[in-house]
Amino acid sequence: MTATPSRGSEAHTLRMSDTRVTPLSIAEWVDSDLHESLAETMRYRAARVFAVRSDGPDLERELVDSDSDPYRLLTRIPVWRPVDALCLVMTGWMSRIDIDDDDPGDDLDDVLDDSRERVRVTAAVNDQGVSVVVRRWDLEGRTDSFADGGEGIFPEALRVWWTAFDAVRRQPEGR
């Protein structure tokens, strides 16, 4: 996939060179665009939701809403027509992925002190599923991508939300 970003005042556009738009390509695009355009990329006070729409080879994202509680935010999102994907971005603390709980050389106090790290999580959901990109504070340029959405309650909440959203979205106009 080759992408060319262009920045407008409110909406951000991405031109795709092919038609394989996946939740992972959307999450990676939004994460990268935010990382390049924001001065403080890891200290959002609130989770943000972006609607993603396609127009031929272009994808456009637009901020829909924000809230300090991402689960409450999901309950407030209006049904947008048409929308091809939804992208939720939030910052917070995450357990370190690389800690070896079975290493007898690790001092428990040191492990507990270093067991969390600041991250920004960008999750995209569409008809194909959920994908997640995690950007770590201490490894500013490095991201971990989870094409299958990873594990946990949050990817599942997005899947459930998209299923309900999609059922409403597909109803004929006027109902």
Protein backbone atom coordinates (compact mmCIF):
# COMPACT_ATOMS: atom_id res chain seq x y z
CA MET A 1 0.00 0.00 0.00
CA THR A 2 1.28 3.42 -0.90
CA ALA A 3 -0.34 6.35 0.82
CA THR A 4 -0.10 10.07 0.29
CA PRO A 5 -1.44 12.14 3.20
CA SER A 6 -2.83 15.62 2.74
CA ARG A 7 -3.89 17.84 5.59
CA GLY A 8 -6.93 20.10 5.60
CA SER A 9 -8.30 22.25 8.40
CA GLU A 10 -10.72 19.66 9.80
CA ALA A 11 -10.63 16.50 7.71
CA HIS A 12 -7.53 14.52 6.82
CA THR A 13 -7.35 12.64 3.52
CA LEU A 14 -5.30 9.65 2.44
CA ARG A 15 -4.99 8.56 -1.20
CA MET A 16 -4.65 4.81 -1.45
CA SER A 17 -2.74 3.33 -4.39
CA ASP A 18 -4.68 0.10 -4.17
CA THR A 19 -8.09 -1.04 -2.97
CA ARG A 20 -6.96 -3.19 -0.02
CA VAL A 21 -8.17 -0.97 2.77
CA THR A 22 -8.07 -2.99 5.96
CA PRO A 23 -8.61 -2.09 9.60
CA LEU A 24 -4.84 -2.35 10.05
CA SER A 25 -4.05 0.06 7.19
CA ILE A 26 -6.59 2.53 8.62
CA ALA A 27 -5.18 2.25 12.17
CA GLU A 28 -1.61 2.67 10.88
CA TRP A 29 -2.58 5.71 8.79
CA VAL A 30 -4.39 7.47 11.65
CA ASP A 31 -1.59 6.67 14.12
CA SER A 32 1.10 7.93 11.76
CA ASP A 33 -0.85 11.06 10.80
CA LEU A 34 -1.50 11.98 14.44
CA HIS A 35 2.11 11.27 15.38
CA GLU A 36 3.36 13.65 12.69
CA SER A 37 0.80 16.40 13.27
CA LEU A 38 0.53 16.70 17.06
CA ALA A 39 3.11 18.23 19.38
CA GLU A 40 1.97 16.18 22.42
CA THR A 41 1.10 12.82 20.92
CA MET A 42 0.99 10.75 24.11
CA ARG A 43 -1.00 12.90 26.50
CA TYR A 44 -4.55 13.06 25.22
CA ARG A 45 -6.88 13.95 28.04
CA ALA A 46 -9.70 12.12 26.29
CA ALA A 47 -10.25 9.26 23.88
CA ARG A 48 -11.15 10.43 20.37
CA VAL A 49 -13.29 8.78 17.72
CA PHE A 50 -12.82 9.42 14.02
CA ALA A 51 -15.24 8.48 11.23
CA VAL A 52 -13.44 7.14 8.15
CA ARG A 53 -15.12 7.39 4.75
CA SER A 54 -13.89 6.34 1.34
CA ASP A 55 -14.33 8.36 -1.82
CA GLY A 56 -12.82 6.35 -4.65
CA PRO A 57 -9.09 6.02 -3.93
CA ASP A 58 -9.26 8.55 -1.08
CA LEU A 59 -9.93 7.91 2.58
CA GLU A 60 -11.03 10.78 4.77
CA ARG A 61 -11.11 10.89 8.55
CA GLU A 62 -13.06 13.36 10.62
CA LEU A 63 -13.20 13.78 14.39
CA VAL A 64 -16.62 12.69 15.66
CA ASP A 65 -16.40 13.02 19.44
CA SER A 66 -14.13 12.69 22.48
CA ASP A 67 -14.55 11.65 26.11
CA SER A 68 -12.28 10.72 29.01
CA ASP A 69 -14.03 7.31 29.18
CA PRO A 70 -13.68 5.36 25.90
CA TYR A 71 -16.50 2.97 26.79
CA ARG A 72 -18.89 5.85 27.47
CA LEU A 73 -17.71 7.40 24.22
CA LEU A 74 -18.81 4.32 22.29
CA THR A 75 -22.33 4.68 23.68
CA ARG A 76 -22.57 8.30 22.45
CA ILE A 77 -21.38 7.97 18.86
CA PRO A 78 -24.10 8.94 16.39
CA VAL A 79 -24.83 6.78 13.37
CA TRP A 80 -22.99 8.38 10.48
CA ARG A 81 -24.03 7.66 6.92
CA PRO A 82 -21.98 6.65 5.07
CA VAL A 83 -19.06 5.55 7.17
CA ASP A 84 -16.66 2.82 6.17
CA ALA A 85 -14.77 2.48 9.42
CA LEU A 86 -14.46 3.92 12.87
CA CYS A 87 -11.14 4.68 14.52
CA LEU A 88 -10.71 5.20 18.26
CA VAL A 89 -7.53 6.77 19.65
CA MET A 90 -6.64 6.92 23.34
CA THR A 91 -3.60 7.17 25.55
CA GLY A 92 -3.01 5.44 28.82
CA TRP A 93 -0.90 2.94 30.67
CA MET A 94 -0.30 -0.61 29.49
CA SER A 95 1.46 -3.59 31.04
CA ARG A 96 4.78 -4.14 29.36
CA ILE A 97 4.70 -6.79 26.69
CA ASP A 98 8.35 -7.79 27.11
CA ILE A 99 8.47 -8.64 30.85
CA ASP A 100 9.33 -12.25 31.60
CA ASP A 101 7.29 -13.22 34.65
CA ASP A 102 9.17 -16.51 34.93
CA ASP A 103 12.68 -15.03 35.06
CA PRO A 104 14.03 -15.86 38.55
CA GLY A 105 16.62 -13.06 38.19
CA ASP A 106 13.95 -10.35 38.17
CA ASP A 107 13.46 -8.65 41.54
CA LEU A 108 9.68 -8.43 42.12
CA ASP A 109 9.86 -4.77 43.23
CA ASP A 110 11.79 -3.81 40.08
CA VAL A 111 9.34 -5.69 37.87
CA LEU A 112 6.36 -3.99 39.51
CA ASP A 113 7.97 -0.53 39.20
CA ASP A 114 8.72 -1.08 35.51
CA SER A 115 5.65 -3.12 34.62
CA ARG A 116 3.70 -0.30 32.97
CA GLU A 117 4.47 2.03 30.12
CA ARG A 118 2.73 5.02 28.54
CA VAL A 119 1.11 4.17 25.20
CA ARG A 120 -1.19 5.55 22.55
CA VAL A 121 -3.60 2.96 21.18
CA THR A 122 -5.24 3.43 17.80
CA ALA A 123 -7.97 0.90 17.03
CA ALA A 124 -9.86 0.70 13.74
CA VAL A 125 -13.01 -1.33 13.13
CA ASN A 126 -14.95 -2.04 9.95
CA ASP A 127 -16.72 -4.96 8.26
CA GLN A 128 -13.40 -6.86 8.16
CA GLY A 129 -12.83 -6.72 11.93
CA VAL A 130 -10.70 -4.83 14.44
CA SER A 131 -7.01 -3.95 14.23
CA VAL A 132 -4.88 -2.14 16.78
CA VAL A 133 -1.66 -0.13 16.64
CA VAL A 134 0.19 0.58 19.91
CA ARG A 135 2.80 3.35 20.05
CA ARG A 136 5.01 3.33 23.16
CA TRP A 137 6.22 6.47 24.93
CA ASP A 138 9.72 5.14 25.64
CA LEU A 139 10.13 3.86 22.08
CA GLU A 140 8.65 6.93 20.37
CA GLY A 141 9.13 5.74 16.80
CA ARG A 142 8.20 2.11 17.35
CA THR A 143 4.74 0.68 16.98
CA ASP A 144 3.31 -2.76 17.55
CA SER A 145 0.50 -3.76 15.20
CA PHE A 146 -2.18 -6.34 15.88
CA ALA A 147 -4.07 -7.16 12.68
CA ASP A 148 -6.51 -9.35 14.61
CA GLY A 149 -7.21 -6.65 17.22
CA GLY A 150 -5.29 -8.32 20.00
CA GLU A 151 -6.93 -9.68 23.12
CA GLY A 152 -9.03 -8.11 25.81
CA ILE A 153 -12.27 -6.42 26.53
CA PHE A 154 -11.64 -3.33 24.42
CA PRO A 155 -11.28 -5.03 20.99
CA GLU A 156 -14.35 -7.09 21.86
CA ALA A 157 -16.29 -3.92 22.80
CA LEU A 158 -15.40 -2.44 19.40
CA ARG A 159 -16.54 -5.60 17.59
CA VAL A 160 -19.87 -5.58 19.44
CA TRP A 161 -20.31 -1.85 18.83
CA TRP A 162 -19.60 -2.22 15.08
CA THR A 163 -22.08 -5.09 14.76
CA ALA A 164 -24.84 -3.01 16.38
CA PHE A 165 -23.81 0.10 14.43
CA ASP A 166 -23.73 -1.81 11.16
CA ALA A 167 -27.25 -3.21 11.71
CA VAL A 168 -28.61 0.33 12.17
CA ARG A 169 -26.50 1.72 9.32
CA ARG A 170 -27.82 -0.83 6.82
CA GLN A 171 -31.48 -0.07 7.51
CA PRO A 172 -33.28 1.71 4.65
CA GLU A 173 -33.56 5.49 4.99
CA GLY A 174 -36.61 6.68 6.89
CA ARG A 175 -36.81 3.80 9.34
